[in-house]
Amino acid sequence: MEIFKLRTKKHRFSSSYGLYRIYILGGFSIENLNLLDVKLTKINTQEVICITEINWKLREYINGEKAIACYDFQINETEDYEIEFNNIESLQVKKSMLIIKNFFFPSNVSIEDLKIAIK
């Protein structure tokens, strides 16, 4: 599992074949995910790996932090990869997934505090 700060925008990692999920850590509710641009490439060939958004966002705890599963991707060979996030300023992550609680007690998580987990 890879965990890194979202504010770095780019992250390099090595991975073997399998199905992976990209989680956003910090809250249980997310808005404007469709404005986020995510690009995964193989470093040595610059081949772009297809990433698909998950329709039903799973919520769980990763290393004691709230997390939302947002994307899936498949890796077919062990290589070094680079993942890049653009337009992260558009994301709005809230600690609670309850609409009423977010309305009366807004709890937006700062972009500086958000992390990404690839698992």
Protein backbone atom coordinates (compact mmCIF):
# COMPACT_ATOMS: atom_id res chain seq x y z
CA MET A 1 0.00 0.00 0.00
CA GLU A 2 1.25 3.47 -0.94
CA ILE A 3 0.19 6.54 1.08
CA PHE A 4 1.25 10.08 0.21
CA LYS A 5 0.07 13.68 0.55
CA LEU A 6 -2.24 14.91 -2.23
CA ARG A 7 -0.57 18.32 -2.34
CA THR A 8 2.54 16.78 -3.97
CA LYS A 9 0.41 16.23 -7.13
CA LYS A 10 2.88 13.64 -8.52
CA HIS A 11 4.05 10.44 -6.90
CA ARG A 12 6.23 7.59 -8.14
CA PHE A 13 5.78 4.02 -6.94
CA SER A 14 6.55 0.44 -7.90
CA SER A 15 3.79 -2.09 -8.15
CA SER A 16 3.17 -5.62 -9.34
CA TYR A 17 0.22 -6.93 -11.32
CA GLY A 18 -3.27 -6.76 -9.83
CA LEU A 19 -6.37 -4.65 -9.36
CA TYR A 20 -5.83 -1.48 -7.29
CA ARG A 21 -8.02 1.21 -5.76
CA ILE A 22 -7.23 4.87 -5.19
CA TYR A 23 -8.57 6.25 -1.91
CA ILE A 24 -8.78 9.84 -0.74
CA LEU A 25 -8.04 9.98 2.99
CA GLY A 26 -9.41 12.62 5.33
CA GLY A 27 -13.20 12.39 5.18
CA PHE A 28 -16.30 10.41 4.24
CA SER A 29 -17.93 12.85 1.80
CA ILE A 30 -16.48 14.26 -1.43
CA GLU A 31 -17.73 16.82 -3.93
CA ASN A 32 -16.40 17.87 -7.35
CA LEU A 33 -14.54 14.61 -7.90
CA ASN A 34 -15.47 14.84 -11.60
CA LEU A 35 -13.27 17.98 -11.84
CA LEU A 36 -10.19 16.12 -10.59
CA ASP A 37 -7.86 14.93 -13.35
CA VAL A 38 -5.92 11.74 -12.53
CA LYS A 39 -3.26 10.32 -14.84
CA LEU A 40 -1.28 7.11 -14.29
CA THR A 41 1.69 6.34 -16.53
CA LYS A 42 4.43 3.73 -16.78
CA ILE A 43 7.66 5.62 -16.25
CA ASN A 44 9.89 3.80 -18.76
CA THR A 45 7.40 3.68 -21.69
CA GLN A 46 5.12 6.65 -20.88
CA GLU A 47 2.13 4.35 -21.50
CA VAL A 48 -1.03 5.75 -19.89
CA ILE A 49 -2.93 3.28 -17.69
CA CYS A 50 -6.74 3.47 -17.77
CA ILE A 51 -8.28 4.65 -14.49
CA THR A 52 -12.05 4.32 -13.93
CA GLU A 53 -14.15 6.13 -11.36
CA ILE A 54 -16.04 3.91 -8.92
CA ASN A 55 -19.80 4.46 -9.02
CA TRP A 56 -20.49 3.39 -5.42
CA LYS A 57 -17.87 5.10 -3.29
CA LEU A 58 -16.83 2.69 -0.54
CA ARG A 59 -15.96 4.22 2.81
CA GLU A 60 -13.55 2.67 5.24
CA TYR A 61 -10.73 3.45 7.63
CA ILE A 62 -7.13 3.18 6.41
CA ASN A 63 -4.43 3.52 9.08
CA GLY A 64 -7.05 5.05 11.40
CA GLU A 65 -8.12 7.74 8.89
CA LYS A 66 -11.44 8.08 7.10
CA ALA A 67 -11.12 7.10 3.43
CA ILE A 68 -13.26 7.10 0.29
CA ALA A 69 -12.53 4.70 -2.59
CA CYS A 70 -12.72 6.79 -5.78
CA TYR A 71 -10.93 5.03 -8.64
CA ASP A 72 -9.92 1.55 -9.86
CA PHE A 73 -7.12 0.51 -12.18
CA GLN A 74 -5.50 -2.71 -13.38
CA ILE A 75 -1.74 -3.29 -13.60
CA ASN A 76 -0.54 -6.18 -15.76
CA GLU A 77 3.21 -6.15 -15.05
CA THR A 78 5.67 -5.16 -12.36
CA GLU A 79 6.98 -1.70 -13.25
CA ASP A 80 7.59 1.78 -11.87
CA TYR A 81 4.60 4.10 -12.24
CA GLU A 82 3.85 7.77 -11.76
CA ILE A 83 0.44 9.06 -10.73
CA GLU A 84 -0.43 12.72 -11.23
CA PHE A 85 -3.35 14.72 -9.82
CA ASN A 86 -4.41 18.00 -11.44
CA ASN A 87 -7.06 20.51 -10.38
CA ILE A 88 -6.95 19.35 -6.75
CA GLU A 89 -8.12 22.77 -5.61
CA SER A 90 -11.63 21.93 -6.85
CA LEU A 91 -12.08 19.04 -4.39
CA GLN A 92 -14.28 19.50 -1.35
CA VAL A 93 -13.86 16.74 1.22
CA LYS A 94 -15.99 16.72 4.37
CA LYS A 95 -15.48 14.63 7.48
CA SER A 96 -19.06 13.37 7.66
CA MET A 97 -21.23 11.80 4.96
CA LEU A 98 -24.43 13.01 6.65
CA ILE A 99 -25.96 15.84 4.62
CA ILE A 100 -27.67 17.45 7.61
CA LYS A 101 -24.49 17.43 9.71
CA ASN A 102 -22.49 18.96 6.82
CA PHE A 103 -25.17 21.63 6.36
CA PHE A 104 -25.33 22.73 10.00
CA PHE A 105 -21.70 22.01 10.94
CA PRO A 106 -19.54 22.41 7.83
CA SER A 107 -16.32 20.48 8.22
CA ASN A 108 -14.31 20.88 5.02
CA VAL A 109 -10.93 19.20 5.14
CA SER A 110 -8.02 21.34 3.94
CA ILE A 111 -6.27 20.22 0.74
CA GLU A 112 -3.04 20.30 2.76
CA ASP A 113 -4.40 17.56 5.05
CA LEU A 114 -5.65 15.19 2.34
CA LYS A 115 -3.75 12.02 1.53
CA ILE A 116 -3.96 9.43 -1.22
CA ALA A 117 -3.76 5.68 -0.64
CA ILE A 118 -3.23 3.16 -3.40
CA LYS A 119 -4.24 -0.28 -2.22
